[in-house]
Amino acid sequence: MSILYMNTPAYGLSLAIFMVMGVISGARRSVSVSLALEQVPEYRGSMMALNTAANNLGSILGAGIGGAVLLASDYPLIGVVLGILSVIAALVIKLYATDPTEG
């Protein structure tokens, strides 16, 4: 969806896609916190701190990469890069997060 909203020529459609992205992002953040809490229940405090640190690191990297791409190119390329990084992030979670109920 990041690729779509950054490259859509119609403002209204771009805004609608962005709103859908906001809903999905809110759901993702809630699920992310729940997943972090369930990974190692004995160390919930440490897992929450690690989750927050990882989210903040991702925000810093995203802002830096986005700024560098913006300086080198234009907004449509930022959408493509953001879309690619989002897919990579989803793959990392899929590959490395474990379900604690399956043992």
PDB file of N, CA and C in Angstrom:
ATOM      1  N   MET A   1       0.816  -1.182   0.000  1.00  0.00           N
ATOM      2  CA  MET A   1       0.000   0.000   0.000  1.00  0.00           C
ATOM      3  C   MET A   1       0.867   1.256   0.000  1.00  0.00           C
ATOM      4  N   SER A   2       2.071   1.152   0.576  1.00  0.00           N
ATOM      5  CA  SER A   2       2.976   2.312   0.571  1.00  0.00           C
ATOM      6  C   SER A   2       3.332   2.708  -0.849  1.00  0.00           C
ATOM      7  N   ILE A   3       3.570   1.719  -1.670  1.00  0.00           N
ATOM      8  CA  ILE A   3       3.917   1.991  -3.064  1.00  0.00           C
ATOM      9  C   ILE A   3       2.739   2.652  -3.764  1.00  0.00           C
ATOM     10  N   LEU A   4       1.525   2.173  -3.487  1.00  0.00           N
ATOM     11  CA  LEU A   4       0.337   2.720  -4.140  1.00  0.00           C
ATOM     12  C   LEU A   4       0.073   4.179  -3.773  1.00  0.00           C
ATOM     13  N   TYR A   5       0.091   4.487  -2.472  1.00  0.00           N
ATOM     14  CA  TYR A   5      -0.313   5.844  -2.104  1.00  0.00           C
ATOM     15  C   TYR A   5       0.716   6.888  -2.510  1.00  0.00           C
ATOM     16  N   MET A   6       1.971   6.499  -2.597  1.00  0.00           N
ATOM     17  CA  MET A   6       2.999   7.464  -3.023  1.00  0.00           C
ATOM     18  C   MET A   6       3.001   7.667  -4.534  1.00  0.00           C
ATOM     19  N   ASN A   7       2.418   6.750  -5.282  1.00  0.00           N
ATOM     20  CA  ASN A   7       2.460   6.834  -6.738  1.00  0.00           C
ATOM     21  C   ASN A   7       1.089   7.034  -7.379  1.00  0.00           C
ATOM     22  N   THR A   8       0.048   7.198  -6.575  1.00  0.00           N
ATOM     23  CA  THR A   8      -1.296   7.403  -7.112  1.00  0.00           C
ATOM     24  C   THR A   8      -1.459   8.855  -7.555  1.00  0.00           C
ATOM     25  N   PRO A   9      -1.894   9.074  -8.799  1.00  0.00           N
ATOM     26  CA  PRO A   9      -2.018  10.451  -9.281  1.00  0.00           C
ATOM     27  C   PRO A   9      -3.215  11.210  -8.698  1.00  0.00           C
ATOM     28  N   ALA A  10      -4.238  10.507  -8.236  1.00  0.00           N
ATOM     29  CA  ALA A  10      -5.440  11.152  -7.697  1.00  0.00           C
ATOM     30  C   ALA A  10      -5.288  11.377  -6.200  1.00  0.00           C
ATOM     31  N   TYR A  11      -5.439  12.622  -5.773  1.00  0.00           N
ATOM     32  CA  TYR A  11      -5.258  12.970  -4.362  1.00  0.00           C
ATOM     33  C   TYR A  11      -6.238  12.217  -3.462  1.00  0.00           C
ATOM     34  N   GLY A  12      -7.509  12.164  -3.843  1.00  0.00           N
ATOM     35  CA  GLY A  12      -8.526  11.496  -3.040  1.00  0.00           C
ATOM     36  C   GLY A  12      -8.223  10.011  -2.846  1.00  0.00           C
ATOM     37  N   LEU A  13      -7.821   9.356  -3.904  1.00  0.00           N
ATOM     38  CA  LEU A  13      -7.479   7.933  -3.810  1.00  0.00           C
ATOM     39  C   LEU A  13      -6.250   7.731  -2.924  1.00  0.00           C
ATOM     40  N   SER A  14      -5.272   8.601  -3.086  1.00  0.00           N
ATOM     41  CA  SER A  14      -4.071   8.528  -2.260  1.00  0.00           C
ATOM     42  C   SER A  14      -4.422   8.705  -0.784  1.00  0.00           C
ATOM     43  N   LEU A  15      -5.301   9.639  -0.481  1.00  0.00           N
ATOM     44  CA  LEU A  15      -5.734   9.876   0.888  1.00  0.00           C
ATOM     45  C   LEU A  15      -6.483   8.670   1.445  1.00  0.00           C
ATOM     46  N   ALA A  16      -7.340   8.068   0.637  1.00  0.00           N
ATOM     47  CA  ALA A  16      -8.082   6.882   1.077  1.00  0.00           C
ATOM     48  C   ALA A  16      -7.134   5.719   1.377  1.00  0.00           C
ATOM     49  N   ILE A  17      -6.151   5.523   0.516  1.00  0.00           N
ATOM     50  CA  ILE A  17      -5.167   4.453   0.743  1.00  0.00           C
ATOM     51  C   ILE A  17      -4.391   4.734   2.024  1.00  0.00           C
ATOM     52  N   PHE A  18      -4.038   5.999   2.241  1.00  0.00           N
ATOM     53  CA  PHE A  18      -3.298   6.370   3.439  1.00  0.00           C
ATOM     54  C   PHE A  18      -4.121   6.101   4.697  1.00  0.00           C
ATOM     55  N   MET A  19      -5.422   6.347   4.635  1.00  0.00           N
ATOM     56  CA  MET A  19      -6.292   6.068   5.785  1.00  0.00           C
ATOM     57  C   MET A  19      -6.363   4.574   6.076  1.00  0.00           C
ATOM     58  N   VAL A  20      -6.466   3.775   5.039  1.00  0.00           N
ATOM     59  CA  VAL A  20      -6.467   2.321   5.226  1.00  0.00           C
ATOM     60  C   VAL A  20      -5.137   1.879   5.837  1.00  0.00           C
ATOM     61  N   MET A  21      -4.046   2.487   5.377  1.00  0.00           N
ATOM     62  CA  MET A  21      -2.733   2.169   5.946  1.00  0.00           C
ATOM     63  C   MET A  21      -2.686   2.512   7.431  1.00  0.00           C
ATOM     64  N   GLY A  22      -3.340   3.600   7.833  1.00  0.00           N
ATOM     65  CA  GLY A  22      -3.382   3.978   9.244  1.00  0.00           C
ATOM     66  C   GLY A  22      -4.080   2.933  10.094  1.00  0.00           C
ATOM     67  N   VAL A  23      -5.187   2.409   9.595  1.00  0.00           N
ATOM     68  CA  VAL A  23      -5.914   1.360  10.321  1.00  0.00           C
ATOM     69  C   VAL A  23      -5.047   0.099  10.428  1.00  0.00           C
ATOM     70  N   ILE A  24      -4.437  -0.291   9.327  1.00  0.00           N
ATOM     71  CA  ILE A  24      -3.590  -1.485   9.325  1.00  0.00           C
ATOM     72  C   ILE A  24      -2.393  -1.291  10.243  1.00  0.00           C
ATOM     73  N   SER A  25      -1.815  -0.092  10.231  1.00  0.00           N
ATOM     74  CA  SER A  25      -0.668   0.187  11.089  1.00  0.00           C
ATOM     75  C   SER A  25      -1.050   0.119  12.566  1.00  0.00           C
ATOM     76  N   GLY A  26      -2.222   0.621  12.911  1.00  0.00           N
ATOM     77  CA  GLY A  26      -2.687   0.534  14.295  1.00  0.00           C
ATOM     78  C   GLY A  26      -2.870  -0.908  14.739  1.00  0.00           C
ATOM     79  N   ALA A  27      -3.438  -1.721  13.878  1.00  0.00           N
ATOM     80  CA  ALA A  27      -3.608  -3.141  14.193  1.00  0.00           C
ATOM     81  C   ALA A  27      -2.251  -3.827  14.306  1.00  0.00           C
ATOM     82  N   ARG A  28      -1.318  -3.474  13.423  1.00  0.00           N
ATOM     83  CA  ARG A  28       0.017  -4.072  13.457  1.00  0.00           C
ATOM     84  C   ARG A  28       0.736  -3.733  14.750  1.00  0.00           C
ATOM     85  N   ARG A  29       0.593  -2.497  15.202  1.00  0.00           N
ATOM     86  CA  ARG A  29       1.275  -2.101  16.435  1.00  0.00           C
ATOM     87  C   ARG A  29       0.710  -2.861  17.630  1.00  0.00           C
ATOM     88  N   SER A  30      -0.597  -3.028  17.695  1.00  0.00           N
ATOM     89  CA  SER A  30      -1.212  -3.783  18.794  1.00  0.00           C
ATOM     90  C   SER A  30      -0.759  -5.238  18.782  1.00  0.00           C
ATOM     91  N   VAL A  31      -0.763  -5.836  17.610  1.00  0.00           N
ATOM     92  CA  VAL A  31      -0.339  -7.229  17.482  1.00  0.00           C
ATOM     93  C   VAL A  31       1.137  -7.376  17.821  1.00  0.00           C
ATOM     94  N   SER A  32       1.943  -6.405  17.422  1.00  0.00           N
ATOM     95  CA  SER A  32       3.376  -6.447  17.699  1.00  0.00           C
ATOM     96  C   SER A  32       3.649  -6.455  19.203  1.00  0.00           C
ATOM     97  N   VAL A  33       2.931  -5.627  19.935  1.00  0.00           N
ATOM     98  CA  VAL A  33       3.108  -5.588  21.389  1.00  0.00           C
ATOM     99  C   VAL A  33       2.675  -6.913  22.002  1.00  0.00           C
ATOM    100  N   SER A  34       1.552  -7.447  21.563  1.00  0.00           N
ATOM    101  CA  SER A  34       1.080  -8.735  22.080  1.00  0.00           C
ATOM    102  C   SER A  34       2.063  -9.851  21.766  1.00  0.00           C
ATOM    103  N   LEU A  35       2.592  -9.844  20.542  1.00  0.00           N
ATOM    104  CA  LEU A  35       3.565 -10.866  20.149  1.00  0.00           C
ATOM    105  C   LEU A  35       4.832 -10.757  20.987  1.00  0.00           C
ATOM    106  N   ALA A  36       5.286  -9.548  21.247  1.00  0.00           N
ATOM    107  CA  ALA A  36       6.484  -9.359  22.071  1.00  0.00           C
ATOM    108  C   ALA A  36       6.251  -9.871  23.493  1.00  0.00           C
ATOM    109  N   LEU A  37       5.053  -9.623  24.031  1.00  0.00           N
ATOM    110  CA  LEU A  37       4.751 -10.084  25.387  1.00  0.00           C
ATOM    111  C   LEU A  37       4.689 -11.604  25.480  1.00  0.00           C
ATOM    112  N   GLU A  38       4.254 -12.249  24.412  1.00  0.00           N
ATOM    113  CA  GLU A  38       4.089 -13.705  24.440  1.00  0.00           C
ATOM    114  C   GLU A  38       5.373 -14.469  24.125  1.00  0.00           C
ATOM    115  N   GLN A  39       6.385 -13.806  23.617  1.00  0.00           N
ATOM    116  CA  GLN A  39       7.604 -14.520  23.230  1.00  0.00           C
ATOM    117  C   GLN A  39       8.277 -15.173  24.431  1.00  0.00           C
ATOM    118  N   VAL A  40       8.515 -14.430  25.480  1.00  0.00           N
ATOM    119  CA  VAL A  40       9.142 -14.959  26.684  1.00  0.00           C
ATOM    120  C   VAL A  40       8.367 -14.407  27.882  1.00  0.00           C
ATOM    121  N   PRO A  41       7.299 -15.086  28.297  1.00  0.00           N
ATOM    122  CA  PRO A  41       6.425 -14.554  29.354  1.00  0.00           C
ATOM    123  C   PRO A  41       7.152 -14.249  30.667  1.00  0.00           C
ATOM    124  N   GLU A  42       8.214 -14.963  30.972  1.00  0.00           N
ATOM    125  CA  GLU A  42       8.930 -14.736  32.233  1.00  0.00           C
ATOM    126  C   GLU A  42       9.659 -13.398  32.240  1.00  0.00           C
ATOM    127  N   TYR A  43       9.953 -12.870  31.076  1.00  0.00           N
ATOM    128  CA  TYR A  43      10.726 -11.627  30.972  1.00  0.00           C
ATOM    129  C   TYR A  43       9.921 -10.551  30.245  1.00  0.00           C
ATOM    130  N   ARG A  44       8.683 -10.351  30.667  1.00  0.00           N
ATOM    131  CA  ARG A  44       7.800  -9.393  29.972  1.00  0.00           C
ATOM    132  C   ARG A  44       8.373  -7.981  29.969  1.00  0.00           C
ATOM    133  N   GLY A  45       8.927  -7.528  31.076  1.00  0.00           N
ATOM    134  CA  GLY A  45       9.500  -6.191  31.138  1.00  0.00           C
ATOM    135  C   GLY A  45      10.640  -6.018  30.154  1.00  0.00           C
ATOM    136  N   SER A  46      11.534  -6.989  30.131  1.00  0.00           N
ATOM    137  CA  SER A  46      12.667  -6.931  29.201  1.00  0.00           C
ATOM    138  C   SER A  46      12.196  -7.009  27.754  1.00  0.00           C
ATOM    139  N   MET A  47      11.194  -7.848  27.495  1.00  0.00           N
ATOM    140  CA  MET A  47      10.676  -7.964  26.128  1.00  0.00           C
ATOM    141  C   MET A  47      10.022  -6.664  25.677  1.00  0.00           C
ATOM    142  N   MET A  48       9.312  -5.985  26.580  1.00  0.00           N
ATOM    143  CA  MET A  48       8.690  -4.716  26.208  1.00  0.00           C
ATOM    144  C   MET A  48       9.747  -3.656  25.936  1.00  0.00           C
ATOM    145  N   ALA A  49      10.811  -3.652  26.750  1.00  0.00           N
ATOM    146  CA  ALA A  49      11.891  -2.692  26.519  1.00  0.00           C
ATOM    147  C   ALA A  49      12.589  -2.991  25.193  1.00  0.00           C
ATOM    148  N   LEU A  50      12.818  -4.255  24.913  1.00  0.00           N
ATOM    149  CA  LEU A  50      13.450  -4.644  23.651  1.00  0.00           C
ATOM    150  C   LEU A  50      12.551  -4.318  22.464  1.00  0.00           C
ATOM    151  N   ASN A  51      11.255  -4.532  22.629  1.00  0.00           N
ATOM    152  CA  ASN A  51      10.294  -4.205  21.569  1.00  0.00           C
ATOM    153  C   ASN A  51      10.301  -2.703  21.283  1.00  0.00           C
ATOM    154  N   THR A  52      10.293  -1.902  22.325  1.00  0.00           N
ATOM    155  CA  THR A  52      10.327  -0.446  22.153  1.00  0.00           C
ATOM    156  C   THR A  52      11.627  -0.008  21.506  1.00  0.00           C
ATOM    157  N   ALA A  53      12.734  -0.572  21.939  1.00  0.00           N
ATOM    158  CA  ALA A  53      14.029  -0.219  21.349  1.00  0.00           C
ATOM    159  C   ALA A  53      14.069  -0.593  19.867  1.00  0.00           C
ATOM    160  N   ALA A  54      13.548  -1.767  19.527  1.00  0.00           N
ATOM    161  CA  ALA A  54      13.542  -2.196  18.126  1.00  0.00           C
ATOM    162  C   ALA A  54      12.636  -1.300  17.284  1.00  0.00           C
ATOM    163  N   ASN A  55      11.471  -0.913  17.820  1.00  0.00           N
ATOM    164  CA  ASN A  55      10.578  -0.004  17.092  1.00  0.00           C
ATOM    165  C   ASN A  55      11.228   1.355  16.876  1.00  0.00           C
ATOM    166  N   ASN A  56      11.900   1.872  17.907  1.00  0.00           N
ATOM    167  CA  ASN A  56      12.567   3.163  17.769  1.00  0.00           C
ATOM    168  C   ASN A  56      13.733   3.089  16.786  1.00  0.00           C
ATOM    169  N   LEU A  57      14.472   1.994  16.820  1.00  0.00           N
ATOM    170  CA  LEU A  57      15.558   1.814  15.857  1.00  0.00           C
ATOM    171  C   LEU A  57      15.015   1.767  14.434  1.00  0.00           C
ATOM    172  N   GLY A  58      13.901   1.072  14.264  1.00  0.00           N
ATOM    173  CA  GLY A  58      13.265   1.020  12.947  1.00  0.00           C
ATOM    174  C   GLY A  58      12.810   2.392  12.477  1.00  0.00           C
ATOM    175  N   SER A  59      12.287   3.194  13.396  1.00  0.00           N
ATOM    176  CA  SER A  59      11.858   4.551  13.042  1.00  0.00           C
ATOM    177  C   SER A  59      13.043   5.413  12.629  1.00  0.00           C
ATOM    178  N   ILE A  60      14.142   5.293  13.356  1.00  0.00           N
ATOM    179  CA  ILE A  60      15.342   6.069  13.030  1.00  0.00           C
ATOM    180  C   ILE A  60      15.896   5.646  11.676  1.00  0.00           C
ATOM    181  N   LEU A  61      15.985   4.345  11.456  1.00  0.00           N
ATOM    182  CA  LEU A  61      16.490   3.859  10.164  1.00  0.00           C
ATOM    183  C   LEU A  61      15.559   4.263   9.029  1.00  0.00           C
ATOM    184  N   GLY A  62      14.258   4.161   9.260  1.00  0.00           N
ATOM    185  CA  GLY A  62      13.287   4.542   8.234  1.00  0.00           C
ATOM    186  C   GLY A  62      13.385   6.015   7.873  1.00  0.00           C
ATOM    187  N   ALA A  63      13.521   6.862   8.882  1.00  0.00           N
ATOM    188  CA  ALA A  63      13.652   8.300   8.611  1.00  0.00           C
ATOM    189  C   ALA A  63      14.948   8.601   7.878  1.00  0.00           C
ATOM    190  N   GLY A  64      16.020   7.949   8.275  1.00  0.00           N
ATOM    191  CA  GLY A  64      17.301   8.172   7.608  1.00  0.00           C
ATOM    192  C   GLY A  64      17.306   7.690   6.167  1.00  0.00           C
ATOM    193  N   ILE A  65      16.786   6.494   5.952  1.00  0.00           N
ATOM    194  CA  ILE A  65      16.734   5.950   4.588  1.00  0.00           C
ATOM    195  C   ILE A  65      15.779   6.779   3.739  1.00  0.00           C
ATOM    196  N   GLY A  66      14.626   7.151   4.314  1.00  0.00           N
ATOM    197  CA  GLY A  66      13.669   7.978   3.578  1.00  0.00           C
ATOM    198  C   GLY A  66      14.261   9.329   3.197  1.00  0.00           C
ATOM    199  N   GLY A  67      14.979   9.954   4.120  1.00  0.00           N
ATOM    200  CA  GLY A  67      15.627  11.231   3.823  1.00  0.00           C
ATOM    201  C   GLY A  67      16.684  11.105   2.747  1.00  0.00           C
ATOM    202  N   ALA A  68      17.471  10.038   2.820  1.00  0.00           N
ATOM    203  CA  ALA A  68      18.513   9.827   1.805  1.00  0.00           C
ATOM    204  C   ALA A  68      17.899   9.588   0.429  1.00  0.00           C
ATOM    205  N   VAL A  69      16.826   8.791   0.374  1.00  0.00           N
ATOM    206  CA  VAL A  69      16.158   8.530  -0.901  1.00  0.00           C
ATOM    207  C   VAL A  69      15.526   9.815  -1.439  1.00  0.00           C
ATOM    208  N   LEU A  70      14.938  10.613  -0.543  1.00  0.00           N
ATOM    209  CA  LEU A  70      14.329  11.870  -0.971  1.00  0.00           C
ATOM    210  C   LEU A  70      15.375  12.828  -1.534  1.00  0.00           C
ATOM    211  N   LEU A  71      16.534  12.884  -0.910  1.00  0.00           N
ATOM    212  CA  LEU A  71      17.601  13.740  -1.430  1.00  0.00           C
ATOM    213  C   LEU A  71      18.110  13.252  -2.783  1.00  0.00           C
ATOM    214  N   ALA A  72      18.144  11.938  -2.954  1.00  0.00           N
ATOM    215  CA  ALA A  72      18.676  11.373  -4.197  1.00  0.00           C
ATOM    216  C   ALA A  72      17.638  11.309  -5.306  1.00  0.00           C
ATOM    217  N   SER A  73      16.345  11.301  -4.952  1.00  0.00           N
ATOM    218  CA  SER A  73      15.313  11.091  -5.961  1.00  0.00           C
ATOM    219  C   SER A  73      14.090  11.940  -5.659  1.00  0.00           C
ATOM    220  N   ASP A  74      12.918  11.320  -5.661  1.00  0.00           N
ATOM    221  CA  ASP A  74      11.663  12.025  -5.460  1.00  0.00           C
ATOM    222  C   ASP A  74      10.703  11.122  -4.684  1.00  0.00           C
ATOM    223  N   TYR A  75       9.531  11.628  -4.367  1.00  0.00           N
ATOM    224  CA  TYR A  75       8.571  10.898  -3.554  1.00  0.00           C
ATOM    225  C   TYR A  75       8.175   9.521  -4.096  1.00  0.00           C
ATOM    226  N   PRO A  76       7.932   9.327  -5.381  1.00  0.00           N
ATOM    227  CA  PRO A  76       7.538   7.987  -5.831  1.00  0.00           C
ATOM    228  C   PRO A  76       8.546   6.896  -5.466  1.00  0.00           C
ATOM    229  N   LEU A  77       9.830   7.210  -5.495  1.00  0.00           N
ATOM    230  CA  LEU A  77      10.835   6.208  -5.137  1.00  0.00           C
ATOM    231  C   LEU A  77      10.787   5.892  -3.640  1.00  0.00           C
ATOM    232  N   ILE A  78      10.441   6.883  -2.819  1.00  0.00           N
ATOM    233  CA  ILE A  78      10.319   6.628  -1.379  1.00  0.00           C
ATOM    234  C   ILE A  78       9.229   5.588  -1.132  1.00  0.00           C
ATOM    235  N   GLY A  79       8.129   5.685  -1.850  1.00  0.00           N
ATOM    236  CA  GLY A  79       7.059   4.706  -1.702  1.00  0.00           C
ATOM    237  C   GLY A  79       7.522   3.303  -2.042  1.00  0.00           C
ATOM    238  N   VAL A  80       8.300   3.176  -3.094  1.00  0.00           N
ATOM    239  CA  VAL A  80       8.817   1.861  -3.497  1.00  0.00           C
ATOM    240  C   VAL A  80       9.772   1.321  -2.437  1.00  0.00           C
ATOM    241  N   VAL A  81      10.698   2.170  -1.975  1.00  0.00           N
ATOM    242  CA  VAL A  81      11.660   1.734  -0.960  1.00  0.00           C
ATOM    243  C   VAL A  81      10.932   1.359   0.332  1.00  0.00           C
ATOM    244  N   LEU A  82       9.957   2.179   0.752  1.00  0.00           N
ATOM    245  CA  LEU A  82       9.196   1.879   1.955  1.00  0.00           C
ATOM    246  C   LEU A  82       8.426   0.566   1.807  1.00  0.00           C
ATOM    247  N   GLY A  83       7.852   0.336   0.643  1.00  0.00           N
ATOM    248  CA  GLY A  83       7.146  -0.924   0.401  1.00  0.00           C
ATOM    249  C   GLY A  83       8.069  -2.129   0.488  1.00  0.00           C
ATOM    250  N   ILE A  84       9.248  -2.009  -0.107  1.00  0.00           N
ATOM    251  CA  ILE A  84      10.223  -3.104  -0.063  1.00  0.00           C
ATOM    252  C   ILE A  84      10.679  -3.367   1.366  1.00  0.00           C
ATOM    253  N   LEU A  85      10.984  -2.302   2.110  1.00  0.00           N
ATOM    254  CA  LEU A  85      11.416  -2.472   3.501  1.00  0.00           C
ATOM    255  C   LEU A  85      10.304  -3.065   4.359  1.00  0.00           C
ATOM    256  N   SER A  86       9.055  -2.732   4.074  1.00  0.00           N
ATOM    257  CA  SER A  86       7.934  -3.303   4.821  1.00  0.00           C
ATOM    258  C   SER A  86       7.812  -4.806   4.579  1.00  0.00           C
ATOM    259  N   VAL A  87       8.016  -5.225   3.351  1.00  0.00           N
ATOM    260  CA  VAL A  87       7.978  -6.656   3.037  1.00  0.00           C
ATOM    261  C   VAL A  87       9.132  -7.377   3.740  1.00  0.00           C
ATOM    262  N   ILE A  88      10.310  -6.775   3.738  1.00  0.00           N
ATOM    263  CA  ILE A  88      11.460  -7.372   4.427  1.00  0.00           C
ATOM    264  C   ILE A  88      11.171  -7.491   5.927  1.00  0.00           C
ATOM    265  N   ALA A  89      10.581  -6.446   6.523  1.00  0.00           N
ATOM    266  CA  ALA A  89      10.243  -6.485   7.949  1.00  0.00           C
ATOM    267  C   ALA A  89       9.240  -7.600   8.246  1.00  0.00           C
ATOM    268  N   ALA A  90       8.248  -7.754   7.382  1.00  0.00           N
ATOM    269  CA  ALA A  90       7.258  -8.818   7.581  1.00  0.00           C
ATOM    270  C   ALA A  90       7.915 -10.193   7.482  1.00  0.00           C
ATOM    271  N   LEU A  91       8.857 -10.340   6.566  1.00  0.00           N
ATOM    272  CA  LEU A  91       9.572 -11.618   6.444  1.00  0.00           C
ATOM    273  C   LEU A  91      10.416 -11.914   7.672  1.00  0.00           C
ATOM    274  N   VAL A  92      11.060 -10.902   8.233  1.00  0.00           N
ATOM    275  CA  VAL A  92      11.861 -11.100   9.445  1.00  0.00           C
ATOM    276  C   VAL A  92      10.967 -11.572  10.583  1.00  0.00           C
ATOM    277  N   ILE A  93       9.807 -10.925  10.749  1.00  0.00           N
ATOM    278  CA  ILE A  93       8.887 -11.347  11.807  1.00  0.00           C
ATOM    279  C   ILE A  93       8.384 -12.761  11.556  1.00  0.00           C
ATOM    280  N   LYS A  94       8.034 -13.059  10.313  1.00  0.00           N
ATOM    281  CA  LYS A  94       7.520 -14.401   9.972  1.00  0.00           C
ATOM    282  C   LYS A  94       8.569 -15.474  10.241  1.00  0.00           C
ATOM    283  N   LEU A  95       9.829 -15.186   9.916  1.00  0.00           N
ATOM    284  CA  LEU A  95      10.880 -16.189  10.054  1.00  0.00           C
ATOM    285  C   LEU A  95      11.382 -16.348  11.490  1.00  0.00           C
ATOM    286  N   TYR A  96      11.414 -15.264  12.276  1.00  0.00           N
ATOM    287  CA  TYR A  96      12.076 -15.322  13.558  1.00  0.00           C
ATOM    288  C   TYR A  96      11.163 -15.288  14.776  1.00  0.00           C
ATOM    289  N   ALA A  97       9.910 -14.889  14.626  1.00  0.00           N
ATOM    290  CA  ALA A  97       8.992 -14.905  15.769  1.00  0.00           C
ATOM    291  C   ALA A  97       8.452 -16.318  15.928  1.00  0.00           C
ATOM    292  N   THR A  98       8.365 -16.755  17.149  1.00  0.00           N
ATOM    293  CA  THR A  98       7.866 -18.106  17.412  1.00  0.00           C
ATOM    294  C   THR A  98       6.549 -18.027  18.176  1.00  0.00           C
ATOM    295  N   ASP A  99       5.722 -19.029  17.988  1.00  0.00           N
ATOM    296  CA  ASP A  99       4.472 -19.117  18.727  1.00  0.00           C
ATOM    297  C   ASP A  99       4.739 -19.890  20.007  1.00  0.00           C
ATOM    298  N   PRO A 100       4.624 -19.248  21.168  1.00  0.00           N
ATOM    299  CA  PRO A 100       4.961 -19.924  22.424  1.00  0.00           C
ATOM    300  C   PRO A 100       3.993 -21.056  22.780  1.00  0.00           C
ATOM    301  N   THR A 101       2.821 -21.103  22.145  1.00  0.00           N
ATOM    302  CA  THR A 101       1.881 -22.186  22.445  1.00  0.00           C
ATOM    303  C   THR A 101       2.243 -23.456  21.698  1.00  0.00           C
ATOM    304  N   GLU A 102       3.099 -23.341  20.681  1.00  0.00           N
ATOM    305  CA  GLU A 102       3.558 -24.526  19.951  1.00  0.00           C
ATOM    306  C   GLU A 102       4.921 -24.907  20.475  1.00  0.00           C
ATOM    307  N   GLY A 103       5.060 -26.049  20.994  1.00  0.00           N
ATOM    308  CA  GLY A 103       6.342 -26.357  21.604  1.00  0.00           C
ATOM    309  C   GLY A 103       6.826 -27.660  21.244  1.00  0.00           C
TER     310      GLY A 103
END
